[in-house]
Amino acid sequence: MNTANQSVYDSLFQRVLLSPLGLDKDNSVILWILLLFASMMAAGMYYFDGNVALVSGILYLTFVLVLSLFRLDFSLYLFVFTVLLFEQYAIPGFPSITHDVSFFNNLKEISYVPFFEAGMVSPFEIHILFITCSLFLHITIRKEFSLKPIAVWGAFLLFFGSLVFAFLNGMRTGGDFLVGLWEVRALFYLCLTYMIVPQILDSKEHITMLFWVIIAGITIKALQGVVRFVDLGFSTGGFAVLTNHEDPVFMVTLFVLLIGFLLYKTGHKQKFWLLASIVILFVGFYVAQRRATYGSLIVSISVILVLLPALKRIQFLKYFLPVLAILLVYGFVYWNNVDSPIARPAQMVKSAFVEPDMETNFRDYSSNLYRDNENYNLAHTVVNNTVLGTGFGKPYDQPIPLVEIRFTLRDYIPHNQIYWVLVKTGAVGFFAFWFFFNCFVAKGTQVFMRLNDPYLKVITMVIIIAVINQMVVSFYDLQLTYYRSMIYLGCLMGLLPVIDRIDKEQKSRDDSKTEIV
C-alpha cells in the first residue's frame, strides 16, 4: 500500500472507528482490546451455553491479569475496591448481588461455576495471586525495580513466624487442616498485603488515589444499609444488622479521616465528598448495630486527642465538647428507654457497662451471656495450653456447653478474637502478636510527629487509629478471621513505610535546595 492510500486508510479509520469512541492513533490499542474482549464474550457465551455470570467472571479475571502485568497500582486499587464492595458472609434477610457474586467463595462452591474438585481458590485469591506474581515478575525483569523496606520488619517476622509455628503445631497435634487454614487465612492476607503495598505504591498521588477508592467503597456499603433502612420504613425492622459486621469498623476510619482533614485543613476534594456523604455514613453506622464499634469509635476519638499537638487538641476540643454535651444529654434521656428505635445506640453503649436486663433487653442479655460462657471456656483452654497454645485447627475446650449459633466454626473461632490468639498461639505467640502491633503503632506515632505534609499527617493518623480500632473491635467480635477486615488493615499498615519514604525524600530535596542557596 503506497503512502497516499495508507493516509486515506488511516483517515477513514480515524473518522469511522476511533473518533466516535474518543480515541486517536496513539491510543487505538484500546479499541483492539475492546474487540478482543467482545470476541471472548461471544465465544464464552456460545461455549458455556449463555452462562453470563461465568463468562463475565472469566473476562474479569482476564482483565485483572492484563492489568496486573501492565499497571500494578491500578490492579491494587481494583482489588481494594472489590474487597470493600463484596461480602464474605450473607446478611440474613437481605439477598444482595454484592454477596451472590461469591467473590470470597472457593470456585467449587460458586453456583454459576461448573463444579470441579480442584477449585479450592476464590476469585479474590486469584486476584491477589496475579498481583503478587506480577510484582515478582517486575522485580525480576525491571532493572530499576527494587524491593522496598517494610515497617518494623523484625517484629513482623516474629509475628509471621509465630503464625506459621502455631499452624504447624496444630497439625502436629491432630488439628484439622482445612479448619486450620480457615482460621489463619485472614491473618496471612494481612501479612501479604502488608508486604506488597509498599512495593507497588511510592508517591503521594498513589496514596491519594487509594483513599479515593477506600472512600467510594465504604460509602457504597453505608448506602446499602441506608437503602434497607428506608425500605423497612425508617427502622431496622427487627433485623439484627443491615450491613456486614466489618462495615461499621471501616466507617470509623472515615470518621477519623474527616476529623483529620478538618483539623489540618487539607484533603479538600476528599473532605468535600466526606462532608457531602456524612449523613449516609452515620446512618449506615447506626443500622449496622454493632456494639463493639461504638466502643471503638469512643476509643478512636480518645486516641486522636492523645496524638494531636497541644494547639490542635484545643482546636478539636473547641468543636467536640459541644457535640459531647449533646451526646451526654441524649444518653441521659434514652438511658432507660428500650422501646424507641432512637434509643438503640444508647442501649448498646449501656450494655457494655451495665448488665442488660433479660426482660427488657433479651437480645443483648443473651449475647453477653454467650460471650461470658465462651470466655470462660477460652480461659480453661489457656490453662491447659499456656506456652504454645493449641495451634490452629483444634477446637477450644467447652466445660460450659454453648448454645448452637449460625456459625460452622463455632467450636474453633470465638467472638473474642484477642483471647483466640492467646488460645491458638499460647503465651509465645501472644507476645509476638502484641509486640508487632505495638511496635507498628509506636513507629507510626514517630512518623506522625515528624511529618510536615498535612495530608500525609492525616493519613498516618488514620493508619495508627485503624490498628487500635481493629484491636478494640476484635476483643468483642469476630474480626481477625474476616478477610475484608484483615486485607483492609494490611493495606493501611502497608502505607506507613511509603509515607515515611516520601517524607525523607522530600526533606532530602529541601536540604539540597537549602545548601545550593
Protein backbone atom coordinates (compact mmCIF):
# COMPACT_ATOMS: atom_id res chain seq x y z
CA MET A 1 0.00 0.00 0.00
CA ASN A 2 1.53 3.32 -1.10
CA THR A 3 1.78 6.37 1.13
CA ALA A 4 -1.30 8.12 -0.32
CA ASN A 5 -3.52 5.05 0.11
CA GLN A 6 -2.17 4.49 3.62
CA SER A 7 -3.02 8.08 4.52
CA VAL A 8 -6.58 7.68 3.19
CA TYR A 9 -6.96 4.42 5.11
CA ASP A 10 -5.70 6.00 8.35
CA SER A 11 -8.03 8.96 7.90
CA LEU A 12 -11.05 6.72 7.30
CA PHE A 13 -10.11 4.50 10.26
CA GLN A 14 -9.86 7.58 12.48
CA ARG A 15 -13.21 9.05 11.38
CA VAL A 16 -15.26 5.83 11.34
CA LEU A 17 -13.95 3.92 14.35
CA LEU A 18 -11.64 5.93 16.57
CA SER A 19 -13.25 9.38 16.73
CA PRO A 20 -16.73 8.15 17.81
CA LEU A 21 -15.03 6.40 20.74
CA GLY A 22 -12.92 9.46 21.66
CA LEU A 23 -9.72 7.69 20.60
CA ASP A 24 -6.85 8.59 18.29
CA LYS A 25 -3.98 6.79 16.62
CA ASP A 26 -1.81 6.84 19.74
CA ASN A 27 -4.35 5.06 21.97
CA SER A 28 -6.09 2.94 19.33
CA VAL A 29 -4.88 -0.16 21.18
CA ILE A 30 -7.89 0.34 23.47
CA LEU A 31 -10.18 -0.41 20.52
CA TRP A 32 -8.41 -3.69 19.81
CA ILE A 33 -8.63 -4.65 23.47
CA LEU A 34 -12.37 -3.94 23.45
CA LEU A 35 -12.79 -6.01 20.28
CA LEU A 36 -10.78 -8.83 21.84
CA PHE A 37 -12.95 -8.88 24.97
CA ALA A 38 -16.12 -8.69 22.85
CA SER A 39 -14.92 -11.71 20.87
CA MET A 40 -14.10 -13.57 24.07
CA MET A 41 -17.55 -12.71 25.43
CA ALA A 42 -19.27 -14.05 22.32
CA ALA A 43 -17.18 -17.23 22.28
CA GLY A 44 -17.69 -17.75 26.00
CA MET A 45 -21.46 -17.32 25.75
CA TYR A 46 -21.53 -19.92 22.99
CA TYR A 47 -19.23 -22.39 24.75
CA PHE A 48 -20.87 -22.09 28.20
CA ASP A 49 -24.48 -22.10 26.92
CA GLY A 50 -25.24 -18.47 27.76
CA ASN A 51 -23.91 -18.53 31.35
CA VAL A 52 -23.49 -14.75 31.64
CA ALA A 53 -22.18 -14.82 35.20
CA LEU A 54 -19.46 -17.38 34.42
CA VAL A 55 -18.34 -15.67 31.21
CA SER A 56 -18.29 -12.27 32.97
CA GLY A 57 -16.17 -13.77 35.74
CA ILE A 58 -13.68 -15.22 33.25
CA LEU A 59 -13.44 -11.89 31.42
CA TYR A 60 -12.99 -10.05 34.72
CA LEU A 61 -10.12 -12.30 35.79
CA THR A 62 -8.56 -11.99 32.33
CA PHE A 63 -8.78 -8.23 32.66
CA VAL A 64 -7.22 -8.43 36.15
CA LEU A 65 -4.34 -10.50 34.77
CA VAL A 66 -3.64 -7.98 31.99
CA LEU A 67 -3.99 -5.05 34.39
CA SER A 68 -1.64 -6.64 36.90
CA LEU A 69 1.01 -7.16 34.25
CA PHE A 70 0.94 -3.58 32.96
CA ARG A 71 -0.39 -1.42 35.85
CA LEU A 72 0.18 -2.96 39.26
CA ASP A 73 -1.08 0.15 41.03
CA PHE A 74 -4.43 0.09 39.18
CA SER A 75 -4.79 -3.62 39.89
CA LEU A 76 -4.23 -2.96 43.59
CA TYR A 77 -6.86 -0.18 43.58
CA LEU A 78 -9.35 -2.52 41.92
CA PHE A 79 -8.54 -5.27 44.43
CA VAL A 80 -9.11 -2.99 47.42
CA PHE A 81 -12.37 -1.69 45.93
CA THR A 82 -13.75 -5.19 45.31
CA VAL A 83 -12.74 -6.33 48.81
CA LEU A 84 -14.67 -3.39 50.29
CA LEU A 85 -17.62 -3.78 47.90
CA PHE A 86 -18.31 -7.52 48.04
CA GLU A 87 -19.29 -9.51 51.12
CA GLN A 88 -17.71 -12.57 52.65
CA TYR A 89 -20.87 -13.53 54.54
CA ALA A 90 -24.51 -13.00 53.66
CA ILE A 91 -26.61 -10.60 55.72
CA PRO A 92 -29.60 -12.65 56.99
CA GLY A 93 -32.80 -11.49 55.32
CA PHE A 94 -31.11 -9.38 52.63
CA PRO A 95 -30.07 -11.18 49.46
CA SER A 96 -27.66 -8.98 47.54
CA ILE A 97 -25.61 -9.15 44.36
CA THR A 98 -22.60 -7.97 46.36
CA HIS A 99 -22.77 -11.33 48.15
CA ASP A 100 -24.21 -13.50 45.38
CA VAL A 101 -21.15 -12.77 43.22
CA SER A 102 -19.36 -15.11 45.70
CA PHE A 103 -16.12 -13.14 45.44
CA PHE A 104 -14.75 -14.75 48.62
CA ASN A 105 -16.02 -18.30 47.97
CA ASN A 106 -13.89 -21.12 46.57
CA LEU A 107 -14.61 -21.74 42.88
CA LYS A 108 -16.11 -25.17 43.61
CA GLU A 109 -18.65 -23.52 45.95
CA ILE A 110 -19.85 -20.88 43.45
CA SER A 111 -23.24 -21.79 41.99
CA TYR A 112 -22.64 -20.39 38.49
CA VAL A 113 -19.24 -22.11 38.07
CA PRO A 114 -19.21 -25.76 36.87
CA PHE A 115 -18.10 -27.92 39.79
CA PHE A 116 -14.56 -29.21 39.84
CA GLU A 117 -12.90 -30.72 42.91
CA ALA A 118 -9.67 -28.77 42.49
CA GLY A 119 -11.47 -25.40 42.74
CA MET A 120 -10.05 -24.62 46.19
CA VAL A 121 -9.28 -20.99 45.38
CA SER A 122 -11.57 -17.94 45.33
CA PRO A 123 -11.78 -15.04 42.84
CA PHE A 124 -10.22 -12.61 45.33
CA GLU A 125 -7.34 -15.05 45.93
CA ILE A 126 -6.78 -15.31 42.17
CA HIS A 127 -6.65 -11.50 42.00
CA ILE A 128 -4.09 -11.15 44.78
CA LEU A 129 -2.12 -14.05 43.27
CA PHE A 130 -1.95 -12.17 39.95
CA ILE A 131 -0.74 -9.05 41.79
CA THR A 132 1.90 -10.96 43.73
CA CYS A 133 3.20 -12.90 40.71
CA SER A 134 3.27 -9.75 38.57
CA LEU A 135 5.19 -7.97 41.32
CA PHE A 136 7.85 -10.70 41.32
CA LEU A 137 7.95 -10.54 37.52
CA HIS A 138 8.57 -6.78 37.67
CA ILE A 139 11.31 -7.29 40.26
CA THR A 140 12.95 -9.88 38.01
CA ILE A 141 12.87 -8.11 34.64
CA ARG A 142 12.96 -4.40 35.52
CA LYS A 143 16.43 -3.24 36.44
CA GLU A 144 15.19 -0.05 38.11
CA PHE A 145 12.74 -2.00 40.30
CA SER A 146 13.97 -2.85 43.81
CA LEU A 147 12.37 -4.20 46.96
CA LYS A 148 11.39 -1.52 49.46
CA PRO A 149 11.64 -1.99 53.23
CA ILE A 150 8.55 -2.65 55.33
CA ALA A 151 7.81 -1.08 58.70
CA VAL A 152 9.16 -2.78 61.87
CA TRP A 153 10.29 -5.76 59.82
CA GLY A 154 11.86 -7.59 62.77
CA ALA A 155 8.64 -7.54 64.82
CA PHE A 156 6.69 -8.50 61.69
CA LEU A 157 8.87 -11.56 61.03
CA LEU A 158 8.44 -12.63 64.66
CA PHE A 159 4.65 -12.30 64.31
CA PHE A 160 4.54 -14.11 60.97
CA GLY A 161 6.79 -16.86 62.30
CA SER A 162 4.51 -17.37 65.31
CA LEU A 163 1.52 -17.85 62.97
CA VAL A 164 3.40 -20.45 60.91
CA PHE A 165 4.54 -22.25 64.07
CA ALA A 166 1.00 -22.25 65.54
CA PHE A 167 -0.37 -23.75 62.31
CA LEU A 168 2.29 -26.47 62.23
CA ASN A 169 1.81 -27.10 65.94
CA GLY A 170 -1.92 -27.61 65.39
CA MET A 171 -1.30 -30.04 62.54
CA ARG A 172 1.32 -31.89 64.58
CA THR A 173 -1.12 -32.44 67.47
CA GLY A 174 -4.06 -33.65 65.37
CA GLY A 175 -5.67 -30.43 64.17
CA ASP A 176 -7.95 -30.33 61.14
CA PHE A 177 -6.01 -28.98 58.14
CA LEU A 178 -8.95 -27.26 56.42
CA VAL A 179 -10.18 -25.69 59.66
CA GLY A 180 -6.68 -24.50 60.49
CA LEU A 181 -6.45 -22.98 57.04
CA TRP A 182 -9.76 -21.18 57.53
CA GLU A 183 -8.56 -19.83 60.86
CA VAL A 184 -5.22 -18.46 59.73
CA ARG A 185 -6.03 -17.31 56.17
CA ALA A 186 -7.20 -13.81 57.06
CA LEU A 187 -4.10 -13.06 59.12
CA PHE A 188 -1.97 -14.41 56.29
CA TYR A 189 -3.66 -11.97 53.89
CA LEU A 190 -2.91 -9.15 56.34
CA CYS A 191 0.77 -10.14 56.23
CA LEU A 192 0.76 -10.43 52.43
CA THR A 193 -0.83 -7.02 51.80
CA TYR A 194 1.44 -5.52 54.47
CA MET A 195 4.43 -6.65 52.38
CA ILE A 196 3.25 -5.92 48.82
CA VAL A 197 1.63 -2.48 49.24
CA PRO A 198 4.98 -0.71 49.92
CA GLN A 199 6.39 -2.34 46.78
CA ILE A 200 3.61 -1.07 44.50
CA LEU A 201 2.76 2.42 45.81
CA ASP A 202 5.51 5.01 46.04
CA SER A 203 4.05 8.52 45.77
CA LYS A 204 1.57 10.86 47.41
CA GLU A 205 -0.59 10.61 44.28
CA HIS A 206 -0.78 6.83 44.74
CA ILE A 207 -1.90 7.24 48.35
CA THR A 208 -4.50 9.85 47.37
CA MET A 209 -5.91 7.54 44.69
CA LEU A 210 -6.07 4.62 47.11
CA PHE A 211 -8.06 6.72 49.56
CA TRP A 212 -10.48 7.75 46.82
CA VAL A 213 -11.06 4.03 46.28
CA ILE A 214 -11.49 3.45 50.03
CA ILE A 215 -13.93 6.35 50.41
CA ALA A 216 -16.00 5.14 47.44
CA GLY A 217 -16.13 1.50 48.62
CA ILE A 218 -17.09 2.26 52.21
CA THR A 219 -19.66 4.89 51.21
CA ILE A 220 -21.37 2.38 48.89
CA LYS A 221 -21.63 -0.13 51.76
CA ALA A 222 -23.12 2.55 54.03
CA LEU A 223 -25.58 3.46 51.27
CA GLN A 224 -26.69 -0.18 51.04
CA GLY A 225 -27.56 -0.11 54.72
CA VAL A 226 -29.40 3.20 54.33
CA VAL A 227 -31.49 1.84 51.42
CA ARG A 228 -32.52 -1.17 53.53
CA PHE A 229 -33.33 1.16 56.43
CA VAL A 230 -35.58 3.28 54.19
CA ASP A 231 -37.24 0.20 52.64
CA LEU A 232 -38.11 -1.00 56.15
CA GLY A 233 -39.94 2.25 56.87
CA PHE A 234 -37.02 4.07 58.50
CA SER A 235 -36.49 1.27 61.01
CA THR A 236 -34.33 -1.80 61.34
CA GLY A 237 -37.43 -3.96 61.05
CA GLY A 238 -36.37 -6.28 63.83
CA PHE A 239 -33.27 -7.41 61.92
CA ALA A 240 -30.07 -7.82 63.92
CA VAL A 241 -27.97 -6.00 61.30
CA LEU A 242 -28.49 -4.23 57.98
CA THR A 243 -24.81 -4.27 56.94
CA ASN A 244 -21.87 -6.61 57.40
CA HIS A 245 -20.03 -6.73 60.73
CA GLU A 246 -16.90 -5.27 59.13
CA ASP A 247 -18.58 -2.25 57.52
CA PRO A 248 -19.00 -0.06 60.63
CA VAL A 249 -15.36 -0.76 61.52
CA PHE A 250 -14.39 0.68 58.14
CA MET A 251 -16.72 3.65 58.66
CA VAL A 252 -14.91 4.59 61.87
CA THR A 253 -11.73 5.11 59.83
CA LEU A 254 -13.60 7.51 57.52
CA PHE A 255 -14.87 9.47 60.53
CA VAL A 256 -11.27 9.79 61.73
CA LEU A 257 -10.18 10.78 58.21
CA LEU A 258 -12.77 13.57 58.08
CA ILE A 259 -11.81 14.86 61.53
CA GLY A 260 -8.18 14.93 60.42
CA PHE A 261 -8.99 16.82 57.22
CA LEU A 262 -10.98 19.42 59.16
CA LEU A 263 -8.25 19.91 61.75
CA TYR A 264 -5.35 20.13 59.30
CA LYS A 265 -7.30 21.94 56.55
CA THR A 266 -6.25 19.50 53.84
CA GLY A 267 -7.67 16.83 51.51
CA HIS A 268 -10.06 19.37 50.03
CA LYS A 269 -11.87 17.23 47.42
CA GLN A 270 -11.96 14.18 49.66
CA LYS A 271 -13.07 16.34 52.58
CA PHE A 272 -15.90 17.75 50.48
CA TRP A 273 -17.02 14.24 49.49
CA LEU A 274 -16.95 13.02 53.10
CA LEU A 275 -18.94 16.04 54.28
CA ALA A 276 -21.48 15.51 51.47
CA SER A 277 -21.93 11.84 52.43
CA ILE A 278 -21.65 12.18 56.22
CA VAL A 279 -25.38 11.54 56.79
CA ILE A 280 -25.16 8.35 54.73
CA LEU A 281 -22.14 7.21 56.72
CA PHE A 282 -23.72 7.97 60.11
CA VAL A 283 -26.99 6.23 59.24
CA GLY A 284 -25.03 3.31 57.80
CA PHE A 285 -23.06 3.13 61.03
CA TYR A 286 -26.29 3.17 63.06
CA VAL A 287 -28.08 0.44 61.08
CA ALA A 288 -25.01 -1.81 61.38
CA GLN A 289 -26.00 -2.17 65.08
CA ARG A 290 -22.61 -3.40 66.26
CA ARG A 291 -22.00 -2.59 69.92
CA ALA A 292 -18.26 -3.09 69.62
CA THR A 293 -17.89 -0.32 67.04
CA TYR A 294 -19.49 2.23 69.36
CA GLY A 295 -16.76 1.39 71.86
CA SER A 296 -14.05 1.51 69.21
CA LEU A 297 -15.32 4.91 67.99
CA ILE A 298 -15.03 6.29 71.53
CA VAL A 299 -11.51 4.87 71.84
CA SER A 300 -10.57 6.24 68.39
CA ILE A 301 -11.61 9.77 69.37
CA SER A 302 -9.61 9.42 72.59
CA VAL A 303 -6.54 8.40 70.59
CA ILE A 304 -6.98 11.48 68.36
CA LEU A 305 -6.77 13.63 71.50
CA VAL A 306 -3.58 11.88 72.57
CA LEU A 307 -1.90 12.15 69.15
CA LEU A 308 -2.70 15.79 68.43
CA PRO A 309 -0.23 18.52 69.43
CA ALA A 310 -1.48 20.95 72.07
CA LEU A 311 -2.84 23.65 69.73
CA LYS A 312 -4.68 21.15 67.53
CA ARG A 313 -6.04 19.42 70.63
CA ILE A 314 -7.52 22.68 71.88
CA GLN A 315 -8.99 23.32 68.45
CA PHE A 316 -10.51 19.83 68.37
CA LEU A 317 -11.98 20.17 71.87
CA LYS A 318 -13.48 23.52 70.94
CA TYR A 319 -15.73 21.81 68.41
CA PHE A 320 -16.00 18.38 70.05
CA LEU A 321 -17.12 19.44 73.54
CA PRO A 322 -20.50 20.82 72.30
CA VAL A 323 -21.03 17.54 70.43
CA LEU A 324 -20.10 15.63 73.56
CA ALA A 325 -22.61 17.68 75.59
CA ILE A 326 -25.37 16.80 73.11
CA LEU A 327 -24.41 13.12 73.29
CA LEU A 328 -24.48 13.19 77.10
CA VAL A 329 -27.95 14.74 77.06
CA TYR A 330 -29.05 12.10 74.55
CA GLY A 331 -27.62 9.34 76.74
CA PHE A 332 -29.33 10.71 79.85
CA VAL A 333 -32.71 10.92 78.10
CA TYR A 334 -32.59 7.48 76.48
CA TRP A 335 -30.51 5.55 79.04
CA ASN A 336 -33.53 3.65 80.34
CA ASN A 337 -35.65 3.81 77.18
CA VAL A 338 -35.69 0.39 75.50
CA ASP A 339 -38.68 0.91 73.22
CA SER A 340 -37.70 3.78 70.93
CA PRO A 341 -35.53 2.98 67.87
CA ILE A 342 -33.66 6.23 68.56
CA ALA A 343 -32.58 4.79 71.90
CA ARG A 344 -30.81 1.80 70.35
CA PRO A 345 -27.30 3.38 70.29
CA ALA A 346 -27.67 4.39 73.95
CA GLN A 347 -28.73 0.86 74.85
CA MET A 348 -25.77 -0.65 73.01
CA VAL A 349 -23.33 1.61 74.87
CA LYS A 350 -25.14 0.94 78.15
CA SER A 351 -24.87 -2.85 77.70
CA ALA A 352 -21.08 -2.51 77.81
CA PHE A 353 -21.23 -1.01 81.33
CA VAL A 354 -24.45 -2.36 82.82
CA GLU A 355 -25.62 -5.95 82.56
CA PRO A 356 -28.68 -5.91 80.25
CA ASP A 357 -31.97 -6.93 81.77
CA MET A 358 -33.35 -10.21 80.44
CA GLU A 359 -36.92 -8.92 80.38
CA THR A 360 -36.36 -5.61 78.61
CA ASN A 361 -33.24 -6.29 76.52
CA PHE A 362 -33.12 -10.03 75.89
CA ARG A 363 -31.02 -9.72 72.75
CA ASP A 364 -28.05 -8.03 74.46
CA TYR A 365 -28.55 -10.11 77.62
CA SER A 366 -28.31 -13.41 75.73
CA SER A 367 -25.41 -12.10 73.64
CA ASN A 368 -23.45 -11.12 76.76
CA LEU A 369 -24.23 -14.44 78.44
CA TYR A 370 -22.99 -16.38 75.43
CA ARG A 371 -19.77 -14.36 75.36
CA ASP A 372 -19.21 -14.80 79.10
CA ASN A 373 -19.54 -18.58 78.77
CA GLU A 374 -17.32 -18.53 75.72
CA ASN A 375 -14.64 -16.51 77.54
CA TYR A 376 -14.69 -18.96 80.44
CA ASN A 377 -14.13 -21.82 78.01
CA LEU A 378 -11.25 -19.93 76.40
CA ALA A 379 -9.64 -19.31 79.82
CA HIS A 380 -9.99 -23.01 80.62
CA THR A 381 -8.23 -23.88 77.35
CA VAL A 382 -5.37 -21.45 78.02
CA VAL A 383 -4.71 -23.03 81.43
CA ASN A 384 -4.17 -26.38 79.71
CA ASN A 385 -2.10 -24.96 76.81
CA THR A 386 -0.31 -21.98 78.30
CA VAL A 387 3.02 -21.71 76.50
CA LEU A 388 2.47 -22.85 72.90
CA GLY A 389 -1.33 -22.86 72.70
CA THR A 390 -3.50 -25.44 70.98
CA GLY A 391 -2.37 -24.50 67.49
CA PHE A 392 -4.74 -23.76 64.62
CA GLY A 393 -7.24 -26.37 63.51
CA LYS A 394 -8.16 -27.58 67.01
CA PRO A 395 -11.33 -26.72 68.96
CA TYR A 396 -11.16 -24.89 72.26
CA ASP A 397 -12.41 -26.61 75.44
CA GLN A 398 -16.09 -26.30 76.33
CA PRO A 399 -16.58 -27.17 80.01
CA ILE A 400 -19.66 -24.94 79.66
CA PRO A 401 -21.60 -26.20 76.60
CA LEU A 402 -22.51 -23.36 74.24
CA VAL A 403 -25.86 -22.99 72.51
CA GLU A 404 -26.00 -23.52 68.76
CA ILE A 405 -25.41 -20.45 66.60
CA ARG A 406 -25.31 -19.99 62.84
CA PHE A 407 -21.56 -20.33 62.52
CA THR A 408 -19.91 -23.50 61.23
CA LEU A 409 -16.62 -22.90 63.03
CA ARG A 410 -18.21 -22.00 66.38
CA ASP A 411 -16.09 -24.59 68.23
CA TYR A 412 -12.85 -23.21 66.78
CA ILE A 413 -13.32 -19.44 66.43
CA PRO A 414 -14.85 -17.46 69.35
CA HIS A 415 -16.18 -13.89 69.40
CA ASN A 416 -13.28 -12.61 71.48
CA GLN A 417 -10.50 -12.91 68.94
CA ILE A 418 -7.84 -11.41 71.17
CA TYR A 419 -8.32 -14.34 73.55
CA TRP A 420 -8.48 -16.56 70.45
CA VAL A 421 -4.92 -15.55 69.54
CA LEU A 422 -3.79 -16.49 73.06
CA VAL A 423 -5.60 -19.84 72.85
CA LYS A 424 -4.16 -20.74 69.44
CA THR A 425 -0.60 -19.42 69.76
CA GLY A 426 0.00 -19.54 73.51
CA ALA A 427 2.00 -17.04 75.53
CA VAL A 428 4.83 -17.06 72.98
CA GLY A 429 2.60 -16.21 70.01
CA PHE A 430 0.53 -13.78 72.05
CA PHE A 431 3.70 -11.85 72.89
CA ALA A 432 4.69 -11.81 69.20
CA PHE A 433 1.21 -10.58 68.24
CA TRP A 434 1.23 -7.62 70.60
CA PHE A 435 4.91 -6.90 70.06
CA PHE A 436 4.30 -6.44 66.33
CA PHE A 437 1.22 -4.25 66.59
CA ASN A 438 2.65 -2.18 69.45
CA CYS A 439 5.90 -1.65 67.54
CA PHE A 440 3.91 -0.62 64.49
CA VAL A 441 1.82 1.91 66.43
CA ALA A 442 4.97 3.30 68.05
CA LYS A 443 6.64 3.62 64.64
CA GLY A 444 3.50 5.22 63.20
CA THR A 445 3.39 7.74 66.03
CA GLN A 446 7.05 8.59 65.45
CA VAL A 447 6.39 9.20 61.74
CA PHE A 448 3.24 11.21 62.55
CA MET A 449 5.14 13.55 64.85
CA ARG A 450 7.88 14.09 62.27
CA LEU A 451 5.70 14.76 59.21
CA ASN A 452 5.23 18.24 57.80
CA ASP A 453 2.86 17.43 54.94
CA PRO A 454 -0.67 17.87 56.39
CA TYR A 455 -2.32 15.33 54.06
CA LEU A 456 0.21 12.59 54.84
CA LYS A 457 -0.04 13.52 58.53
CA VAL A 458 -3.80 12.87 58.47
CA ILE A 459 -3.37 9.58 56.61
CA THR A 460 -0.78 8.45 59.17
CA MET A 461 -3.19 9.29 61.99
CA VAL A 462 -5.86 7.17 60.27
CA ILE A 463 -3.41 4.26 59.95
CA ILE A 464 -2.45 4.38 63.63
CA ILE A 465 -6.06 4.59 64.79
CA ALA A 466 -7.18 1.88 62.35
CA VAL A 467 -4.90 -0.58 64.17
CA ILE A 468 -6.23 0.39 67.60
CA ASN A 469 -9.81 0.46 66.30
CA GLN A 470 -9.39 -3.08 64.94
CA MET A 471 -7.95 -4.41 68.19
CA VAL A 472 -10.80 -2.94 70.26
CA VAL A 473 -13.47 -4.43 67.99
CA SER A 474 -11.66 -7.77 67.86
CA PHE A 475 -11.86 -8.02 71.65
CA TYR A 476 -15.64 -8.18 71.41
CA ASP A 477 -16.43 -9.52 67.96
CA LEU A 478 -15.28 -11.74 65.11
CA GLN A 479 -12.77 -9.68 63.13
CA LEU A 480 -9.29 -11.20 62.88
CA THR A 481 -10.65 -14.09 60.80
CA TYR A 482 -12.60 -11.87 58.39
CA TYR A 483 -10.80 -11.47 55.06
CA ARG A 484 -12.14 -7.99 54.37
CA SER A 485 -11.05 -6.64 57.76
CA MET A 486 -7.52 -8.02 57.55
CA ILE A 487 -6.91 -7.05 53.92
CA TYR A 488 -8.11 -3.51 54.60
CA LEU A 489 -5.96 -3.23 57.72
CA GLY A 490 -2.97 -4.75 55.93
CA CYS A 491 -3.27 -2.21 53.09
CA LEU A 492 -3.44 0.71 55.51
CA MET A 493 -0.48 -0.57 57.54
CA GLY A 494 1.47 -1.13 54.32
CA LEU A 495 1.21 2.60 53.58
CA LEU A 496 3.34 3.62 56.59
CA PRO A 497 6.76 2.86 55.03
CA VAL A 498 5.58 4.58 51.82
CA ILE A 499 4.73 7.74 53.77
CA ASP A 500 8.00 7.54 55.70
CA ARG A 501 9.95 7.21 52.44
CA ILE A 502 8.11 10.12 50.77
CA ASP A 503 8.78 12.34 53.80
CA LYS A 504 12.50 11.52 53.88
CA GLU A 505 12.85 12.12 50.12
CA GLN A 506 11.04 15.46 50.40
CA LYS A 507 13.23 16.62 53.29
CA SER A 508 16.34 15.48 51.42
CA ARG A 509 15.32 17.58 48.40
CA ASP A 510 14.59 20.57 50.64
CA ASP A 511 18.00 20.23 52.32
CA SER A 512 19.69 20.11 48.91
CA LYS A 513 17.92 23.30 47.83
CA THR A 514 18.95 24.99 51.08
CA GLU A 515 22.60 24.06 50.54
CA ILE A 516 22.52 25.44 46.98
CA VAL A 517 21.05 28.74 48.20
